[in-house]
Protein backbone atom coordinates (compact mmCIF):
# COMPACT_ATOMS: atom_id res chain seq x y z
CA UNK A 1 3.98 -20.07 13.09
CA UNK A 2 7.68 -19.48 12.33
CA UNK A 3 9.09 -20.38 8.89
CA UNK A 4 12.78 -20.14 8.00
CA UNK A 5 15.97 -21.61 6.53
CA UNK A 6 15.27 -21.59 2.81
CA UNK A 7 12.19 -23.81 2.90
CA UNK A 8 8.91 -23.55 0.99
CA UNK A 9 5.61 -23.47 2.87
CA UNK A 10 1.95 -23.28 1.89
CA UNK A 11 -0.79 -22.24 4.31
CA UNK A 12 -4.26 -22.94 2.93
CA UNK A 13 -7.67 -22.24 4.40
CA UNK A 14 -6.22 -21.32 7.77
CA UNK A 15 -7.96 -19.02 10.25
CA UNK A 16 -5.88 -16.97 12.68
CA UNK A 17 -7.60 -14.74 15.21
CA UNK A 18 -6.64 -12.74 18.29
CA UNK A 19 -3.00 -13.79 18.54
CA UNK A 20 -0.28 -11.57 20.05
CA UNK A 21 3.44 -11.54 19.26
CA UNK A 22 6.42 -9.16 19.18
CA UNK A 23 6.51 -9.29 15.36
CA UNK A 24 4.19 -11.30 13.15
CA UNK A 25 1.12 -11.85 15.29
CA UNK A 26 0.05 -14.91 13.30
CA UNK A 27 2.87 -15.83 10.91
CA UNK A 28 6.62 -15.05 10.85
CA UNK A 29 8.59 -15.91 7.69
CA UNK A 30 12.37 -15.60 8.01
CA UNK A 31 15.68 -16.15 6.17
CA UNK A 32 15.24 -17.04 2.51
CA UNK A 33 12.02 -18.97 3.01
CA UNK A 34 9.12 -18.95 0.58
CA UNK A 35 5.57 -18.80 1.92
CA UNK A 36 2.18 -18.97 0.18
CA UNK A 37 -0.96 -18.04 2.07
CA UNK A 38 -4.05 -19.23 0.23
CA UNK A 39 -7.65 -18.44 1.14
CA UNK A 40 -6.70 -17.71 4.74
CA UNK A 41 -8.47 -15.50 7.25
CA UNK A 42 -6.12 -13.36 9.36
CA UNK A 43 -8.18 -11.37 11.83
CA UNK A 44 -7.74 -9.33 15.01
CA UNK A 45 -4.08 -10.15 15.53
CA UNK A 46 -1.62 -7.88 17.32
CA UNK A 47 2.14 -7.27 17.27
CA UNK A 48 4.64 -4.44 17.25
CA UNK A 49 4.99 -4.83 13.48
CA UNK A 50 3.17 -7.16 11.08
CA UNK A 51 0.02 -7.79 13.06
CA UNK A 52 -0.92 -10.71 10.84
CA UNK A 53 2.21 -11.64 8.88
CA UNK A 54 5.87 -10.60 9.23
CA UNK A 55 8.31 -11.46 6.43
CA UNK A 56 12.04 -10.80 6.37
CA UNK A 57 14.47 -11.68 3.55
CA UNK A 58 11.93 -14.08 2.03
CA UNK A 59 9.15 -14.23 -0.56
CA UNK A 60 5.45 -14.09 0.22
CA UNK A 61 2.53 -14.98 -2.07
CA UNK A 62 -0.97 -14.10 -0.85
CA UNK A 63 -3.72 -15.77 -2.88
CA UNK A 64 -7.27 -14.94 -1.85
CA UNK A 65 -8.23 -14.65 1.78
CA UNK A 66 -9.29 -11.89 4.16
CA UNK A 67 -7.04 -9.75 6.36
CA UNK A 68 -9.29 -7.93 8.77
CA UNK A 69 -9.17 -5.78 11.91
CA UNK A 70 -5.51 -6.33 12.68
CA UNK A 71 -4.90 -3.31 14.93
CA UNK A 72 -1.30 -2.88 16.10
CA UNK A 73 -1.38 0.69 17.45
CA UNK A 74 -0.16 4.12 16.40
CA UNK A 75 3.40 4.46 17.68
CA UNK A 76 6.22 4.91 15.14
CA UNK A 77 7.23 1.22 15.42
CA UNK A 78 3.75 -0.06 14.55
CA UNK A 79 4.27 -0.80 10.85
CA UNK A 80 2.13 -3.10 8.72
CA UNK A 81 -1.16 -3.73 10.46
CA UNK A 82 -1.86 -6.89 8.47
CA UNK A 83 1.41 -7.57 6.63
CA UNK A 84 5.00 -6.36 7.12
CA UNK A 85 7.73 -7.25 4.64
CA UNK A 86 11.41 -6.31 4.67
CA UNK A 87 13.44 -7.80 1.84
CA UNK A 88 12.34 -10.40 -0.71
CA UNK A 89 9.31 -10.12 -2.99
CA UNK A 90 5.57 -9.89 -2.39
CA UNK A 91 2.63 -10.86 -4.61
CA UNK A 92 -1.03 -10.40 -3.70
CA UNK A 93 -3.88 -11.77 -5.85
CA UNK A 94 -7.57 -11.76 -5.02
CA UNK A 95 -7.25 -10.79 -1.35
CA UNK A 96 -9.32 -8.46 0.80
CA UNK A 97 -7.82 -6.10 3.39
CA UNK A 98 -10.26 -4.23 5.60
CA UNK A 99 -10.38 -2.26 8.87
CA UNK A 100 -6.72 -2.79 9.69
CA UNK A 101 -4.85 -0.13 11.70
CA UNK A 102 -1.20 0.89 12.11
CA UNK A 103 1.14 3.88 12.16
CA UNK A 104 2.16 3.29 8.53
CA UNK A 105 0.79 0.79 6.02
CA UNK A 106 -2.24 -0.48 7.90
CA UNK A 107 -2.78 -3.27 5.34
CA UNK A 108 0.72 -3.75 3.89
CA UNK A 109 4.10 -2.21 4.75
CA UNK A 110 7.02 -3.05 2.44
CA UNK A 111 10.68 -2.07 2.90
CA UNK A 112 13.68 -3.08 0.79
CA UNK A 113 11.70 -5.52 -1.34
CA UNK A 114 12.68 -6.19 -4.91
CA UNK A 115 9.07 -6.23 -6.08
CA UNK A 116 5.52 -5.72 -4.87
CA UNK A 117 2.69 -6.94 -7.11
CA UNK A 118 -1.02 -6.53 -6.27
CA UNK A 119 -3.96 -7.53 -8.46
CA UNK A 120 -7.67 -8.28 -8.21
CA UNK A 121 -7.72 -7.17 -4.58
CA UNK A 122 -9.67 -4.81 -2.33
CA UNK A 123 -8.47 -2.42 0.37
CA UNK A 124 -11.31 -0.87 2.37
CA UNK A 125 -11.63 1.17 5.56
CA UNK A 126 -8.01 0.74 6.59
CA UNK A 127 -6.47 3.52 8.69
CA UNK A 128 -2.88 4.59 9.34
CA UNK A 129 -2.25 7.42 11.75
CA UNK A 130 0.83 8.68 9.88
CA UNK A 131 1.11 7.61 6.22
CA UNK A 132 -0.13 5.02 3.74
CA UNK A 133 -3.70 4.36 4.78
CA UNK A 134 -3.66 0.97 3.06
CA UNK A 135 -0.16 0.46 1.62
CA UNK A 136 3.21 2.03 2.47
CA UNK A 137 6.38 1.22 0.53
CA UNK A 138 9.95 2.44 0.92
CA UNK A 139 13.15 1.35 -0.84
CA UNK A 140 11.10 -1.01 -2.99
CA UNK A 141 12.10 -1.50 -6.63
CA UNK A 142 9.15 -2.40 -8.85
CA UNK A 143 5.58 -1.85 -7.72
CA UNK A 144 2.67 -2.96 -9.90
CA UNK A 145 -1.03 -2.70 -9.06
CA UNK A 146 -3.75 -3.99 -11.40
CA UNK A 147 -7.54 -4.34 -11.21
CA UNK A 148 -7.67 -3.39 -7.55
CA UNK A 149 -9.90 -1.06 -5.51
CA UNK A 150 -8.90 1.27 -2.69
CA UNK A 151 -12.07 2.46 -0.95
CA UNK A 152 -12.50 4.63 2.16
CA UNK A 153 -8.96 4.25 3.46
CA UNK A 154 -7.47 7.09 5.52
CA UNK A 155 -4.21 8.46 6.83
CA UNK A 156 -2.24 11.59 7.63
CA UNK A 157 -0.65 11.51 4.14
CA UNK A 158 -1.49 9.13 1.31
CA UNK A 159 -4.98 7.99 2.22
CA UNK A 160 -4.63 4.83 0.12
CA UNK A 161 -0.98 4.52 -0.94
CA UNK A 162 2.31 6.14 0.10
CA UNK A 163 5.39 5.56 -2.04
CA UNK A 164 8.58 6.67 -0.31
CA UNK A 165 11.99 7.02 -1.94
CA UNK A 166 14.32 4.29 -3.11
CA UNK A 167 16.77 3.53 -5.91
CA UNK A 168 15.29 2.90 -9.38
CA UNK A 169 11.75 2.67 -8.09
CA UNK A 170 8.78 2.41 -10.46
CA UNK A 171 5.04 2.42 -9.82
CA UNK A 172 2.71 1.08 -12.52
CA UNK A 173 -1.02 1.17 -11.70
CA UNK A 174 -3.62 -0.15 -14.18
CA UNK A 175 -7.43 -0.53 -14.12
CA UNK A 176 -7.55 0.46 -10.46
CA UNK A 177 -10.10 2.54 -8.54
CA UNK A 178 -9.36 5.02 -5.76
CA UNK A 179 -12.67 5.94 -4.15
CA UNK A 180 -13.41 8.08 -1.06
CA UNK A 181 -9.93 7.88 0.42
CA UNK A 182 -8.92 10.73 2.74
CA UNK A 183 -5.83 12.38 4.20
CA UNK A 184 -5.69 14.90 7.02
CA UNK A 185 -2.58 16.40 5.39
CA UNK A 186 -1.65 15.72 1.72
CA UNK A 187 -2.67 13.16 -0.93
CA UNK A 188 -6.19 11.90 -0.40
CA UNK A 189 -5.36 8.80 -2.46
CA UNK A 190 -1.69 8.49 -3.53
CA UNK A 191 1.46 10.19 -2.23
CA UNK A 192 4.73 9.87 -4.15
CA UNK A 193 7.58 11.10 -1.99
CA UNK A 194 10.62 10.38 -4.11
CA UNK A 195 13.71 12.51 -4.50
CA UNK A 196 15.04 10.46 -7.41
CA UNK A 197 14.54 11.65 -10.98
CA UNK A 198 15.03 8.09 -12.26
CA UNK A 199 11.73 7.00 -10.79
CA UNK A 200 8.60 6.65 -12.91
CA UNK A 201 4.97 6.66 -11.84
CA UNK A 202 2.30 5.60 -14.34
CA UNK A 203 -1.48 5.37 -13.90
CA UNK A 204 -3.40 3.86 -16.84
CA UNK A 205 -7.21 3.48 -17.11
CA UNK A 206 -7.62 4.33 -13.43
CA UNK A 207 -10.42 6.11 -11.57
CA UNK A 208 -10.09 8.73 -8.83
CA UNK A 209 -13.47 9.54 -7.31
CA UNK A 210 -14.35 11.57 -4.19
CA UNK A 211 -10.90 11.46 -2.63
CA UNK A 212 -10.11 14.29 -0.23
CA UNK A 213 -7.06 15.90 1.33
CA UNK A 214 -7.17 18.70 3.87
CA UNK A 215 -3.90 20.02 2.44
CA UNK A 216 -2.78 19.43 -1.17
CA UNK A 217 -3.54 16.79 -3.80
CA UNK A 218 -7.02 15.39 -3.41
CA UNK A 219 -6.15 12.45 -5.65
CA UNK A 220 -2.39 12.51 -6.19
CA UNK A 221 0.58 14.31 -4.62
CA UNK A 222 3.98 14.09 -6.33
CA UNK A 223 7.24 15.78 -5.44
CA UNK A 224 11.01 15.56 -5.51
CA UNK A 225 12.00 14.48 -9.02
CA UNK A 226 9.45 11.82 -9.90
CA UNK A 227 8.09 11.50 -13.44
CA UNK A 228 4.34 10.88 -13.25
CA UNK A 229 2.01 10.03 -16.15
CA UNK A 230 -1.79 9.80 -16.14
CA UNK A 231 -3.12 7.84 -19.13
CA UNK A 232 -6.90 7.76 -19.74
CA UNK A 233 -7.61 8.54 -16.10
CA UNK A 234 -11.08 9.51 -14.90
CA UNK A 235 -11.25 11.92 -11.96
CA UNK A 236 -14.48 13.10 -10.35
CA UNK A 237 -15.32 15.10 -7.23
CA UNK A 238 -11.84 15.03 -5.69
CA UNK A 239 -11.02 17.90 -3.37
CA UNK A 240 -8.14 19.59 -1.58
CA UNK A 241 -7.02 23.07 -0.59
CA UNK A 242 -4.60 22.98 -3.53
CA UNK A 243 -4.92 20.60 -6.48
CA UNK A 244 -8.23 18.80 -6.34
CA UNK A 245 -7.01 15.91 -8.47
CA UNK A 246 -3.22 16.37 -8.47
CA UNK A 247 -0.56 18.50 -6.81
CA UNK A 248 2.97 18.51 -8.23
CA UNK A 249 5.88 20.32 -6.61
CA UNK A 250 9.65 20.69 -7.20
CA UNK A 251 11.27 21.98 -10.39
CA UNK A 252 12.54 18.51 -11.33
CA UNK A 253 9.13 16.84 -11.04
CA UNK A 254 7.24 16.11 -14.27
CA UNK A 255 3.53 15.35 -14.74
CA UNK A 256 2.09 14.22 -18.07
CA UNK A 257 -1.67 13.87 -18.58
CA UNK A 258 -3.06 12.06 -21.65
CA UNK A 259 -6.73 11.49 -22.47
CA UNK A 260 -8.02 12.26 -18.98
CA UNK A 261 -11.61 13.03 -17.99
CA UNK A 262 -11.71 15.43 -15.05
CA UNK A 263 -14.84 16.84 -13.45
């Protein structure tokens, strides 16, 4: 399916399985279009990027549905196992992403988007060979995650989430669980790789449990001028060579911890 030219589309209750394309194995949204995918199943699709859905310069709303086993490979061009977005805005509510695979962002890869919003969703057993086991973002302005669970995702860095640099980026995570995510390098759960002091990273009422990194930051790894705050965070049984729950590096990087329970 190809959608373009400023139109509005709704896909409801659709099932896509085992389709192959250059980009966007099941759905391609292009040029100022607006697409809503509601209660859809996107499974076992393949592409160079965006195994299930590829969106460029458009908006995408995902409401419910399952995005499963979209495996696009491990080369550096294989970005966004289930969903790839460049430009526009993305909202996800009540969706499930599981067992997707890619080089970066096995569930969702976002570049140059104005906003990414995720709530009431689940990311489980997704794997990226390089970074962002479930979600990878770069050059994305506002990122909000609420009431979502990241469970048993894995990657080289950022077992669950990898936030790369961009201008005036913010990450606000609330009531979200990071459980048993792993990284073969750094950041078992969340990797913040910004070099911009203007960025802010806030976790409120979140849980980090049994996340593991072979290198540094079992739960969280922050460097390069980001300002990170942990409010009322619970952290249990996270492990790494350095910084079981959090690893912070660079003189301009700030970490504030308020009301945390760490064990």
